[in-house]
Protein backbone atom coordinates (compact mmCIF):
# COMPACT_ATOMS: atom_id res chain seq x y z
CA MET A 1 49.40 54.37 207.73
CA LYS A 2 48.95 53.08 204.18
CA ILE A 3 47.99 49.49 203.45
CA LEU A 4 48.11 48.22 199.86
CA LEU A 5 46.35 45.07 198.64
CA VAL A 6 48.16 43.79 195.54
CA ALA A 7 46.71 41.50 192.87
CA VAL A 8 48.40 40.20 189.73
CA ASN A 9 45.78 38.87 187.34
CA ALA A 10 46.27 36.62 184.32
CA LYS A 11 44.51 39.05 181.94
CA TYR A 12 43.22 42.60 182.06
CA ILE A 13 39.58 41.47 181.76
CA HIS A 14 40.01 39.50 184.99
CA SER A 15 39.67 41.09 188.40
CA ASN A 16 40.56 39.81 191.85
CA PRO A 17 37.44 39.74 194.02
CA ALA A 18 39.48 38.58 197.03
CA VAL A 19 41.28 41.89 197.55
CA TYR A 20 38.04 43.83 197.17
CA SER A 21 36.35 41.54 199.68
CA LEU A 22 39.16 42.08 202.20
CA ARG A 23 38.92 45.84 201.82
CA ALA A 24 35.13 45.79 202.11
CA TYR A 25 35.24 43.62 205.23
CA ALA A 26 37.67 46.07 206.87
CA LYS A 27 35.34 48.97 206.04
CA GLU A 28 36.08 50.87 209.27
CA TYR A 29 39.62 51.40 207.97
CA ARG A 30 38.60 52.00 204.35
CA GLU A 31 40.56 55.26 204.00
CA LEU A 32 43.79 53.45 204.87
CA ILE A 33 43.44 50.65 202.33
CA GLY A 34 44.34 50.88 198.66
CA ILE A 35 44.11 48.29 195.89
CA ALA A 36 46.61 47.82 193.06
CA GLU A 37 45.78 45.38 190.28
CA TYR A 38 48.28 44.39 187.61
CA THR A 39 48.55 41.68 184.96
CA GLY A 40 51.15 39.04 184.26
CA ASN A 41 51.87 40.82 180.97
CA GLN A 42 53.50 43.68 182.84
CA GLN A 43 57.19 43.67 183.68
CA THR A 44 57.96 43.06 187.36
CA ASP A 45 60.08 46.23 187.35
CA GLU A 46 57.04 48.23 186.29
CA ILE A 47 54.96 46.77 189.13
CA LEU A 48 57.76 47.27 191.64
CA ALA A 49 58.09 50.93 190.64
CA ASP A 50 54.34 51.51 190.96
CA ILE A 51 54.16 49.93 194.43
CA TYR A 52 57.21 51.94 195.54
CA GLN A 53 55.69 55.21 194.32
CA ARG A 54 52.52 54.51 196.32
CA ARG A 55 54.67 54.36 199.50
CA PRO A 56 52.63 51.80 201.47
CA ASP A 57 53.58 50.85 205.01
CA VAL A 58 52.06 47.40 204.53
CA ALA A 59 51.70 45.43 201.28
CA ALA A 60 49.56 42.30 201.11
CA PHE A 61 49.78 40.07 198.02
CA SER A 62 47.08 37.71 196.73
CA CYS A 63 48.83 34.50 195.61
CA TYR A 64 47.54 31.95 193.12
CA ILE A 65 49.06 29.20 191.06
CA TRP A 66 49.46 31.47 188.02
CA ASN A 67 51.17 34.39 189.77
CA VAL A 68 53.09 33.18 192.83
CA GLU A 69 56.52 32.99 191.17
CA TYR A 70 55.93 36.44 189.71
CA ILE A 71 54.99 37.78 193.14
CA LYS A 72 58.03 36.20 194.80
CA GLU A 73 60.29 38.19 192.50
CA ILE A 74 58.42 41.40 193.28
CA ILE A 75 58.57 40.76 197.04
CA ARG A 76 62.31 40.10 197.00
CA ASN A 77 63.00 43.38 195.21
CA LEU A 78 60.42 45.30 197.23
CA ARG A 79 62.20 44.31 200.44
CA LEU A 80 65.44 45.74 199.01
CA VAL A 81 64.01 49.12 198.01
CA MET A 82 61.64 49.44 200.99
CA PRO A 83 63.39 47.63 203.86
CA GLU A 84 60.90 48.88 206.49
CA ILE A 85 57.72 47.78 204.69
CA LYS A 86 55.62 44.98 206.19
CA ILE A 87 54.91 42.28 203.60
CA TRP A 88 52.07 39.76 203.89
CA VAL A 89 50.73 37.15 201.50
CA GLY A 90 47.50 35.17 201.30
CA GLY A 91 45.54 33.00 198.92
CA PRO A 92 45.36 29.29 198.06
CA GLU A 93 48.93 29.04 196.80
CA VAL A 94 50.39 29.90 200.23
CA SER A 95 47.65 28.90 202.67
CA TYR A 96 48.42 25.18 202.72
CA ASN A 97 52.21 25.40 202.87
CA ALA A 98 52.68 28.63 204.82
CA SER A 99 55.72 27.48 206.80
CA GLU A 100 57.42 26.16 203.68
CA PHE A 101 56.73 29.45 201.89
CA LEU A 102 58.21 31.52 204.73
CA GLU A 103 61.25 29.28 204.90
CA GLU A 104 61.93 30.12 201.25
CA MET A 105 60.73 33.74 201.39
CA SER A 106 62.32 35.32 204.43
CA GLU A 107 61.48 38.70 202.87
CA ALA A 108 57.82 38.21 203.82
CA ASP A 109 56.60 38.92 207.35
CA GLY A 110 53.84 36.34 207.29
CA VAL A 111 51.01 34.46 205.64
CA MET A 112 47.27 34.97 206.06
CA ALA A 113 46.10 31.36 205.78
CA GLY A 114 42.63 30.33 204.66
CA GLU A 115 39.69 32.69 204.21
CA GLY A 116 41.16 36.08 204.86
CA GLU A 117 38.41 38.52 205.77
CA HIS A 118 38.56 38.21 209.56
CA THR A 119 42.36 37.81 209.60
CA PHE A 120 42.92 40.86 207.41
CA LEU A 121 40.64 43.01 209.55
CA SER A 122 42.60 41.99 212.67
CA LEU A 123 45.89 42.68 210.91
CA VAL A 124 44.77 46.13 209.75
CA ARG A 125 43.59 46.95 213.27
CA TYR A 126 46.97 45.85 214.65
CA TYR A 127 48.92 48.15 212.33
CA ALA A 128 46.47 51.08 212.35
CA GLU A 129 46.09 51.25 216.12
CA ALA A 130 49.52 49.92 217.15
CA ALA A 131 47.80 47.79 219.76
CA GLY A 132 47.97 44.13 220.71
CA SER A 133 50.41 41.68 219.18
CA LEU A 134 50.73 39.46 216.12
CA GLU A 135 50.54 36.42 218.41
CA GLN A 136 46.91 37.31 219.11
CA ILE A 137 45.81 37.50 215.46
CA PRO A 138 44.08 34.31 214.33
CA GLY A 139 44.78 32.80 210.94
CA ILE A 140 48.38 33.91 210.44
CA VAL A 141 51.71 32.19 210.17
CA ARG A 142 54.41 34.73 210.96
CA GLN A 143 58.13 35.20 210.99
CA LYS A 144 59.42 35.42 214.57
CA GLU A 145 62.13 37.86 215.58
CA SER A 146 63.89 35.04 217.38
CA GLY A 147 63.90 32.97 214.21
CA GLY A 148 61.53 30.44 212.74
CA TRP A 149 57.84 31.10 212.58
CA GLY A 150 54.76 30.96 214.72
CA VAL A 151 51.49 29.33 213.66
CA ASN A 152 48.45 31.01 215.18
CA PRO A 153 45.08 29.31 215.64
CA ALA A 154 42.77 29.40 212.62
CA ALA A 155 40.55 32.42 212.15
CA LYS A 156 36.81 32.14 212.50
CA ILE A 157 34.97 31.56 209.25
CA PRO A 158 32.69 34.50 208.44
CA ASP A 159 29.00 34.08 207.84
CA MET A 160 28.38 34.55 204.13
CA ASP A 161 25.85 37.32 204.80
CA ASP A 162 28.49 39.25 206.78
CA ILE A 163 30.76 39.54 203.74
CA PRO A 164 30.00 42.92 202.11
CA PHE A 165 28.99 43.30 198.47
CA ILE A 166 32.10 44.47 196.64
CA TYR A 167 30.57 46.09 193.56
CA GLU A 168 29.17 49.32 194.98
CA ASP A 169 31.48 51.22 192.62
CA LEU A 170 31.42 49.49 189.24
CA SER A 171 33.80 52.05 187.76
CA GLU A 172 36.62 49.96 189.26
CA PHE A 173 35.52 47.03 187.07
CA THR A 174 35.04 48.68 183.68
CA ASN A 175 35.51 46.14 180.85
CA ARG A 176 36.12 43.34 183.34
CA ILE A 177 34.32 40.14 184.21
CA ILE A 178 32.24 40.46 187.36
CA TYR A 179 32.90 37.53 189.72
CA TYR A 180 30.25 36.70 192.28
CA GLU A 181 30.05 34.07 195.02
CA SER A 182 26.80 32.96 196.57
CA SER A 183 28.43 30.10 198.47
CA ARG A 184 31.77 28.85 199.75
CA GLY A 185 32.96 25.30 200.18
CA CYS A 186 32.07 22.11 198.33
CA PRO A 187 30.22 19.00 199.51
CA TYR A 188 32.45 16.72 197.42
CA SER A 189 35.92 15.34 198.07
CA CYS A 190 37.58 15.23 194.63
CA SER A 191 41.20 14.45 195.44
CA TYR A 192 42.72 16.91 192.94
CA CYS A 193 40.76 19.93 194.20
CA LEU A 194 41.42 22.29 197.11
CA SER A 195 37.70 22.91 197.56
CA SER A 196 37.40 19.41 199.00
CA ILE A 197 39.33 20.54 202.08
CA GLU A 198 36.41 22.68 203.26
CA LYS A 199 33.50 20.26 202.99
CA LYS A 200 30.97 22.42 204.78
CA VAL A 201 29.10 24.59 202.29
CA ARG A 202 27.84 28.00 203.43
CA PHE A 203 25.32 30.00 201.46
CA ARG A 204 24.52 33.65 201.11
CA SER A 205 20.86 34.37 201.86
CA LEU A 206 18.74 34.22 198.74
CA SER A 207 17.15 37.59 199.48
CA LEU A 208 20.60 39.18 199.68
CA VAL A 209 21.76 37.47 196.48
CA GLU A 210 18.67 38.70 194.63
CA ARG A 211 19.22 42.28 195.77
CA GLU A 212 22.86 42.23 194.69
CA LEU A 213 22.15 40.59 191.35
CA GLN A 214 19.48 43.17 190.64
CA TYR A 215 22.05 45.90 191.24
CA LEU A 216 24.21 44.32 188.52
CA LEU A 217 21.24 43.72 186.22
CA ASP A 218 20.14 47.34 186.52
CA ARG A 219 23.60 48.41 185.36
CA GLN A 220 23.57 45.92 182.49
CA VAL A 221 26.95 44.35 183.18
CA VAL A 222 27.93 42.01 180.36
CA GLN A 223 28.82 38.92 182.37
CA VAL A 224 28.48 37.73 185.95
CA LYS A 225 30.61 34.67 186.64
CA PHE A 226 29.59 32.72 189.74
CA VAL A 227 32.65 31.24 191.44
CA ASP A 228 30.66 28.77 193.55
CA ARG A 229 32.46 25.43 193.27
CA THR A 230 29.31 23.35 192.73
CA PHE A 231 26.55 25.87 192.27
CA ASN A 232 23.63 23.43 192.26
CA CYS A 233 24.62 21.32 195.26
CA ASN A 234 21.66 22.91 197.08
CA HIS A 235 18.60 22.67 194.86
CA ALA A 236 16.54 25.34 196.61
CA HIS A 237 19.39 27.83 196.46
CA ALA A 238 20.18 27.16 192.78
CA LEU A 239 16.54 27.13 191.71
CA GLY A 240 15.85 30.39 193.52
CA ILE A 241 18.71 32.19 191.77
CA TRP A 242 17.93 30.73 188.35
CA ARG A 243 14.29 31.63 188.68
CA TYR A 244 15.18 35.18 189.69
CA ILE A 245 17.53 35.85 186.79
CA GLN A 246 15.03 34.31 184.35
CA GLU A 247 12.24 36.54 185.62
CA HIS A 248 14.44 39.67 185.75
CA ASP A 249 16.40 39.16 182.52
CA ASN A 250 17.59 42.50 181.13
CA GLY A 251 18.38 41.06 177.69
CA VAL A 252 22.11 41.81 178.08
CA THR A 253 23.72 40.13 181.08
CA ASN A 254 25.10 36.60 180.84
CA PHE A 255 25.52 34.39 183.92
CA HIS A 256 28.14 31.63 184.15
CA PHE A 257 27.78 28.70 186.59
CA GLU A 258 29.91 25.65 187.40
CA ILE A 259 27.54 22.80 188.15
CA ALA A 260 27.29 19.06 188.66
CA GLY A 261 25.20 18.13 185.63
CA ASP A 262 23.93 14.84 186.98
CA LEU A 263 22.40 16.65 189.98
CA LEU A 264 19.97 18.70 187.88
CA ASN A 265 16.37 17.83 188.66
CA GLU A 266 13.23 18.29 186.57
CA GLU A 267 12.29 21.61 188.16
CA GLU A 268 15.73 23.06 187.43
CA LEU A 269 15.74 21.74 183.86
CA SER A 270 12.34 23.29 183.33
CA ILE A 271 13.46 26.78 184.40
CA LEU A 272 16.69 26.47 182.38
CA LYS A 273 14.68 25.61 179.28
CA LYS A 274 12.74 28.89 179.58
CA MET A 275 15.80 31.13 179.62
CA ARG A 276 16.72 33.54 176.85
CA PRO A 277 19.45 32.15 174.58
CA GLY A 278 22.70 33.43 176.03
CA LEU A 279 21.33 34.30 179.46
CA VAL A 280 23.11 31.34 181.09
CA GLN A 281 26.18 29.26 180.35
CA LEU A 282 26.98 26.09 182.24
CA GLU A 283 30.35 24.49 182.91
CA ILE A 284 30.45 20.84 183.94
CA GLY A 285 33.56 18.99 185.05
CA VAL A 286 33.34 15.47 183.64
CA GLN A 287 37.11 14.87 184.10
CA SER A 288 37.01 11.20 182.99
CA VAL A 289 34.55 8.50 181.98
CA ASN A 290 36.76 5.71 183.35
CA PRO A 291 34.80 4.27 186.33
CA LYS A 292 37.97 3.18 188.14
CA THR A 293 39.44 6.67 187.78
CA ILE A 294 36.28 8.36 189.01
CA LEU A 295 36.21 6.09 192.06
CA GLU A 296 39.89 6.62 192.82
CA ILE A 297 39.68 10.43 192.76
CA ASP A 298 36.73 10.35 195.19
CA ARG A 299 34.43 11.89 192.62
CA VAL A 300 30.68 11.33 192.64
CA MET A 301 29.17 11.22 189.16
CA ASP A 302 26.58 9.20 187.28
CA LEU A 303 27.82 9.29 183.69
CA GLY A 304 24.61 7.86 182.24
CA VAL A 305 22.51 10.52 183.93
CA LEU A 306 25.01 13.22 182.95
CA SER A 307 24.88 12.21 179.29
CA GLU A 308 21.09 12.31 179.32
CA ILE A 309 21.02 15.69 181.08
CA THR A 310 23.51 17.33 178.71
CA GLY A 311 21.44 16.10 175.79
CA ARG A 312 18.31 17.69 177.23
CA ILE A 313 20.14 20.96 177.90
CA LEU A 314 21.38 21.11 174.32
CA GLU A 315 17.94 20.35 172.90
CA GLY A 316 16.78 23.74 174.14
CA LYS A 317 19.39 25.53 171.97
CA ASN A 318 19.52 28.33 174.53
CA ILE A 319 22.40 27.45 176.89
CA HIS A 320 26.11 27.43 176.15
CA LEU A 321 27.52 24.16 177.52
CA HIS A 322 31.17 23.73 178.49
CA LEU A 323 32.50 20.27 179.47
CA ASP A 324 35.90 19.63 181.08
CA LEU A 325 38.34 16.71 181.02
CA ILE A 326 41.55 16.21 183.02
CA ALA A 327 44.49 14.23 181.64
CA GLY A 328 46.91 12.54 184.03
CA LEU A 329 44.47 11.14 186.58
CA PRO A 330 45.06 7.76 188.28
CA PHE A 331 44.25 4.65 186.19
CA GLU A 332 43.77 6.78 183.06
CA ASP A 333 46.24 5.67 180.39
CA TYR A 334 46.40 7.14 176.89
CA GLU A 335 43.74 4.87 175.40
CA SER A 336 41.46 5.44 178.39
CA PHE A 337 41.78 9.19 177.95
CA VAL A 338 41.10 8.87 174.23
CA ASN A 339 37.90 7.05 175.12
CA SER A 340 36.96 9.77 177.64
CA PHE A 341 37.59 12.44 175.01
CA ASN A 342 35.45 10.73 172.37
CA GLU A 343 32.55 10.08 174.73
CA VAL A 344 32.50 13.68 175.94
CA TYR A 345 32.87 15.03 172.38
CA TYR A 346 29.82 13.02 171.34
CA MET A 347 27.87 14.78 174.10
CA ARG A 348 28.13 17.78 171.68
CA PRO A 349 29.25 20.55 174.07
CA HIS A 350 29.85 24.03 172.72
CA GLN A 351 33.30 23.87 174.29
CA LEU A 352 35.43 20.92 175.38
CA GLN A 353 38.23 21.89 177.75
CA LEU A 354 41.14 19.46 177.72
CA GLY A 355 43.03 20.20 180.93
CA PHE A 356 45.97 18.58 182.69
CA LEU A 357 46.20 17.45 186.30
CA LYS A 358 47.82 19.94 188.66
CA LEU A 359 49.30 18.72 191.92
CA LEU A 360 47.90 21.47 194.12
CA LYS A 361 49.54 21.83 197.51
CA GLY A 362 47.10 20.82 200.21
CA SER A 363 45.15 18.43 197.99
CA LYS A 364 44.90 14.68 198.55
CA MET A 365 46.29 14.15 195.04
CA HIS A 366 49.45 16.03 196.02
CA ARG A 367 49.88 13.86 199.11
CA LYS A 368 49.36 10.62 197.18
CA ALA A 369 51.38 11.55 194.08
CA GLY A 370 54.11 9.08 195.02
CA ASP A 371 51.61 6.24 195.33
CA TYR A 372 50.40 6.92 191.80
CA GLY A 373 53.83 7.45 190.29
CA ILE A 374 52.80 10.97 189.36
CA ALA A 375 55.58 13.40 188.58
CA GLY A 376 54.62 17.05 188.26
CA ARG A 377 56.46 20.23 187.45
CA GLN A 378 58.32 21.52 190.47
CA ASN A 379 57.13 25.08 189.95
CA PRO A 380 53.62 26.44 189.37
CA PRO A 381 51.35 25.37 187.83
CA TYR A 382 52.64 21.97 189.13
CA GLU A 383 51.27 20.29 186.03
CA VAL A 384 51.60 16.54 185.51
CA LEU A 385 54.61 15.34 183.51
CA TYR A 386 53.87 11.62 183.63
CA THR A 387 52.18 8.99 185.78
CA SER A 388 52.30 5.22 186.20
CA TRP A 389 49.73 5.06 183.41
CA ILE A 390 50.71 7.78 180.94
CA SER A 391 54.14 8.82 179.69
CA PHE A 392 55.57 12.30 179.12
CA GLU A 393 55.58 11.59 175.38
CA GLU A 394 51.87 10.87 175.53
CA ILE A 395 51.26 14.01 177.58
CA LEU A 396 53.00 15.98 174.82
CA LYS A 397 50.70 14.36 172.24
CA LEU A 398 47.69 15.43 174.28
CA LYS A 399 49.10 18.97 174.43
CA GLY A 400 49.05 19.03 170.64
CA VAL A 401 45.48 17.76 170.57
CA GLU A 402 44.50 20.39 173.14
CA GLU A 403 45.79 23.16 170.85
CA MET A 404 43.86 21.83 167.86
CA VAL A 405 40.66 21.57 169.91
CA GLU A 406 41.05 25.17 171.08
CA ILE A 407 41.69 26.52 167.58
CA TYR A 408 39.33 24.48 165.46
CA PHE A 409 36.52 23.44 167.81
CA ASN A 410 36.18 25.70 170.82
CA SER A 411 36.53 28.87 168.74
CA HIS A 412 33.35 28.06 166.73
CA GLN A 413 35.14 29.51 163.71
CA PHE A 414 35.18 26.28 161.68
CA THR A 415 31.94 24.59 162.71
CA TYR A 416 30.65 23.37 159.34
CA THR A 417 34.04 22.37 157.99
CA MET A 418 34.91 20.36 161.10
CA LYS A 419 31.54 18.61 161.08
CA LYS A 420 32.18 17.41 157.54
CA LEU A 421 35.84 16.58 158.17
CA LEU A 422 34.92 14.32 161.08
CA GLN A 423 33.33 11.93 158.57
CA ALA A 424 36.79 11.15 157.20
CA PHE A 425 37.98 9.78 160.57
CA LYS A 426 36.94 6.94 162.82
CA THR A 427 36.69 9.11 165.93
CA PRO A 428 36.89 12.80 166.91
CA PHE A 429 40.15 12.19 168.76
CA ALA A 430 41.70 10.59 165.69
CA MET A 431 40.86 13.73 163.72
CA PHE A 432 42.41 16.15 166.21
CA GLN A 433 45.46 13.92 166.69
CA ALA A 434 45.99 13.84 162.91
CA MET A 435 45.66 17.62 162.80
CA SER A 436 48.23 17.99 165.56
CA GLU A 437 50.64 15.71 163.71
CA TYR A 438 50.07 17.70 160.51
CA TYR A 439 50.92 20.95 162.32
CA GLU A 440 54.06 19.33 163.70
CA ASN A 441 55.18 17.87 160.36
CA GLN A 442 54.56 21.15 158.54
CA LYS A 443 56.39 23.08 161.29
CA LEU A 444 53.29 25.17 161.99
CA THR A 445 53.25 24.84 165.77
CA GLY A 446 54.24 27.71 168.03
CA GLN A 447 53.23 30.35 165.50
CA ASN A 448 50.55 33.01 165.77
CA HIS A 449 48.65 32.38 162.54
CA SER A 450 45.98 34.73 161.20
CA ARG A 451 42.46 33.42 160.71
CA LEU A 452 42.91 33.27 156.94
CA LYS A 453 46.10 31.29 157.45
CA ARG A 454 44.25 28.88 159.76
CA ILE A 455 41.66 28.46 157.00
CA GLN A 456 44.35 27.72 154.42
CA ILE A 457 45.98 25.19 156.75
CA LEU A 458 42.66 23.44 157.38
CA ARG A 459 41.97 23.32 153.64
CA SER A 460 45.33 21.69 152.94
CA PHE A 461 44.81 19.21 155.76
CA ALA A 462 41.27 18.31 154.65
CA LEU A 463 42.31 17.75 151.05
CA GLU A 464 45.01 15.31 152.17
CA TYR A 465 42.31 13.11 153.68
CA ASP A 466 39.35 13.72 151.38
CA PHE A 467 40.54 15.28 148.09
CA VAL A 468 37.49 13.97 146.20
CA GLN A 469 35.31 16.53 147.98
CA ALA A 470 37.74 19.44 147.59
CA ALA A 471 35.09 21.78 146.16
CA LEU A 472 32.77 21.15 149.11
CA TYR A 473 35.53 21.75 151.68
CA GLU A 474 36.50 25.02 150.02
CA GLU A 475 32.93 26.29 150.15
CA LEU A 476 32.43 25.07 153.72
CA LEU A 477 35.49 27.09 154.72
CA LEU A 478 33.99 30.14 153.01
CA LEU A 479 30.75 29.54 154.90
CA ASP A 480 32.65 29.40 158.20
CA LEU A 481 34.67 32.50 157.29
CA TYR A 482 31.63 34.66 156.60
CA LEU A 483 29.62 33.30 159.49
CA ARG A 484 32.19 34.84 161.80
CA GLU A 485 33.21 38.03 160.00
CA ASN A 486 32.42 40.22 157.02
CA SER A 487 35.87 39.65 155.61
CA LYS A 488 36.97 41.88 152.76
CA SER A 489 39.88 39.51 152.07
CA ARG A 490 39.06 36.20 150.42
CA PRO A 491 41.17 33.06 150.23
CA HIS A 492 43.08 32.80 146.95
CA TRP A 493 41.14 29.69 145.97
CA ALA A 494 37.68 31.20 146.56
CA ALA A 495 35.40 31.71 143.57
CA ASP A 496 35.36 35.18 142.03
CA LEU A 497 32.16 36.89 143.15
CA SER A 498 32.47 39.55 140.44
CA VAL A 499 30.66 37.23 138.04
CA TRP A 500 27.61 37.75 140.28
CA LYS A 501 28.17 41.48 140.71
CA LYS A 502 25.00 42.59 138.87
CA GLU A 503 22.78 39.92 140.43
CA ILE A 504 24.01 40.74 143.94
CA ALA A 505 23.49 44.48 143.44
CA ASP A 506 19.97 43.82 142.08
CA PHE A 507 19.20 41.70 145.15
CA TYR A 508 20.20 44.50 147.52
CA ARG A 509 18.20 47.08 145.55
CA LYS A 510 15.15 44.86 145.77
CA GLU A 511 15.79 44.11 149.44
CA THR A 512 16.06 47.83 150.18
CA ASP A 513 12.76 48.62 148.44
CA GLU A 514 10.88 45.60 149.79
CA PRO A 515 12.85 44.08 152.69
CA GLN A 516 12.28 40.42 153.40
CA PHE A 517 15.43 39.54 155.31
CA LEU A 518 17.20 42.69 156.49
CA LEU A 519 14.33 44.11 158.49
CA ASP A 520 16.40 46.26 160.85
CA TYR A 521 18.20 48.38 158.28
CA ASP A 522 15.82 51.32 157.89
CA GLY A 523 17.65 54.43 156.73
CA TYR A 524 20.40 52.57 154.91
CA ASN A 525 20.60 52.53 151.12
CA TYR A 526 21.35 49.41 149.15
CA ARG A 527 25.10 50.11 148.94
CA GLN A 528 25.32 50.56 152.71
CA ARG A 529 23.38 47.33 153.27
CA MET A 530 25.69 45.56 150.85
CA HIS A 531 28.70 46.81 152.81
CA MET A 532 27.25 45.95 156.24
CA THR A 533 26.23 42.40 155.29
CA HIS A 534 27.53 39.78 152.89
CA LEU A 535 25.90 37.65 150.20
CA GLU A 536 27.85 34.60 149.12
CA VAL A 537 26.83 32.32 146.26
CA PHE A 538 27.51 28.62 146.85
CA GLN A 539 27.48 25.88 144.25
CA GLU A 540 27.68 23.09 146.84
CA ASP A 541 24.99 22.21 149.39
CA VAL A 542 27.00 23.62 152.31
CA LEU A 543 24.02 23.81 154.67
CA GLU A 544 22.74 20.32 153.77
CA ILE A 545 19.26 21.49 152.79
CA GLY A 546 18.97 19.06 149.88
CA ARG A 547 19.62 21.62 147.13
CA LYS A 548 21.93 20.43 144.37
CA ASP A 549 21.77 23.52 142.15
CA GLY A 550 23.42 25.92 144.58
CA TYR A 551 22.03 28.92 146.43
CA GLY A 552 22.97 32.16 148.07
CA VAL A 553 23.53 32.76 151.78
CA LEU A 554 22.97 36.22 153.22
CA PHE A 555 24.96 36.95 156.41
CA ASP A 556 23.58 39.52 158.87
CA TYR A 557 26.29 40.63 161.31
CA ARG A 558 23.99 42.78 163.40
CA LYS A 559 22.37 39.57 164.62
CA ARG A 560 24.53 36.81 166.07
CA ASN A 561 23.97 33.47 167.73
CA PRO A 562 24.56 34.21 171.44
CA LEU A 563 25.95 30.71 171.99
CA THR A 564 28.53 30.64 169.19
CA GLY A 565 29.01 34.25 168.09
CA ASN A 566 28.23 33.36 164.49
CA ALA A 567 26.19 35.70 162.31
CA ALA A 568 22.56 35.10 161.49
CA TYR A 569 22.06 33.88 157.93
CA PHE A 570 19.31 33.48 155.36
CA ILE A 571 19.14 31.12 152.40
CA ILE A 572 18.57 33.00 149.15
CA ASP A 573 17.39 31.26 145.97
CA LYS A 574 19.43 32.13 142.92
CA ASP A 575 16.36 33.48 141.17
CA GLU A 576 15.97 36.01 143.99
CA CYS A 577 19.28 37.51 142.82
CA ASN A 578 17.89 38.17 139.35
């Protein structure tokens, strides 16, 4: 008997903790259970061939909004080439419409609905021991030989401490994000979210969480991403974990948490303030600042408190802050969303995620879509097309703005240029909308531009709106370029550094003999230091330090800001280059 758990991930760096959790929970049958992970970049024929060559007797697929159509195609073909195989599916994309899924996909034998650990164990026992019947297995919806399907009673929900730790063998997760859950469920009832269905929140014991996190810390994994829906809904639980990772920081591992910002209390803010820069990153779903919208989607949020809290978090300059918005919510028209965007932008997050409402099956929003005049795509990801308040044309405009925000703001590759450019517009949204329109008019959309090309595009755009300060924009773009990379290619309009060749070489000779800035370069001669770093001479006051006669900026790429990825830099007086 061979049982294969199949996951199709969006990217290679992602993993699917669900299939590993199912295998771990069914540990008594471990030798029978294999795991196959693929990505959506692979051809379905390639995946089909690999599954076929593994010769499983049972294949169980993990279905999500991003992969379900892909998996349907694989299942249909798998049934043709392996007619005797038993095919099961599970996951949020099939749990809430299991009967509908089976009506469409007669090739599947059944659905494991809801949390799958207990159901999967029962299913494995049924196939491995050829005992009992499918009718006795809780948590499944199954095809019946007589036609139609049978819906079994729900499976029991496992205690969080009974779910095994899935990372005993980290070799299976090389170069991948480590996902970790210390709780399941959510206390809130946001109408667009599936987590609202299970309102009871269950927590893993703090002592167990600490032991498992220490295992990951000892092995210096790069990132641990908590998948808890609202991590800080229980203050004692959140504070205990934050205190532990602060006290046991290994200097390498980063922890990501999704939180409700307005719930943070003084004790939690105090411990967050003490953390190493880059140890923690926080993601907060604002979604909208329209009070009527927030009320209608059953969301609980105090915007005033949230704004104050985000400001205090950012003051510490040690935590990467990610804020989310959702377009297409009830009572949010275009102008209302523009207002939400501007208010959240002015909170100064490191990243602003502009997302679009998805009508998830099983959610209250999906049930009430007709009441709101919401039309969504018929296939995954079921994204909003228009509502009673916002048109499809306006949604398309927001798509263009989203792309500009991703390229020119969230990437942190144009920080100084964008800060200056904002002064030429009334609002942040007006700037990004103008950029989107410029891309459209210049037929630049839909192309994979290089970074230097993005810089040239931004220069042309900036000079259209503020030509008087052309020299400043060109040097700001150079500053942003070298903050991110030690580029050997320079824009065609950049000043010729060869006029400073002697002065720059003299600086590096002096810095090698008597280092003042590059203190971690022992053993490297001045030419090597010159190659490993970069010294740019600016005539404009790009860093706004009040100098009108220009200065040098030395970029050290061995040291980077853990929040933005930009290189460390030092201001060098021109006379230090002589």
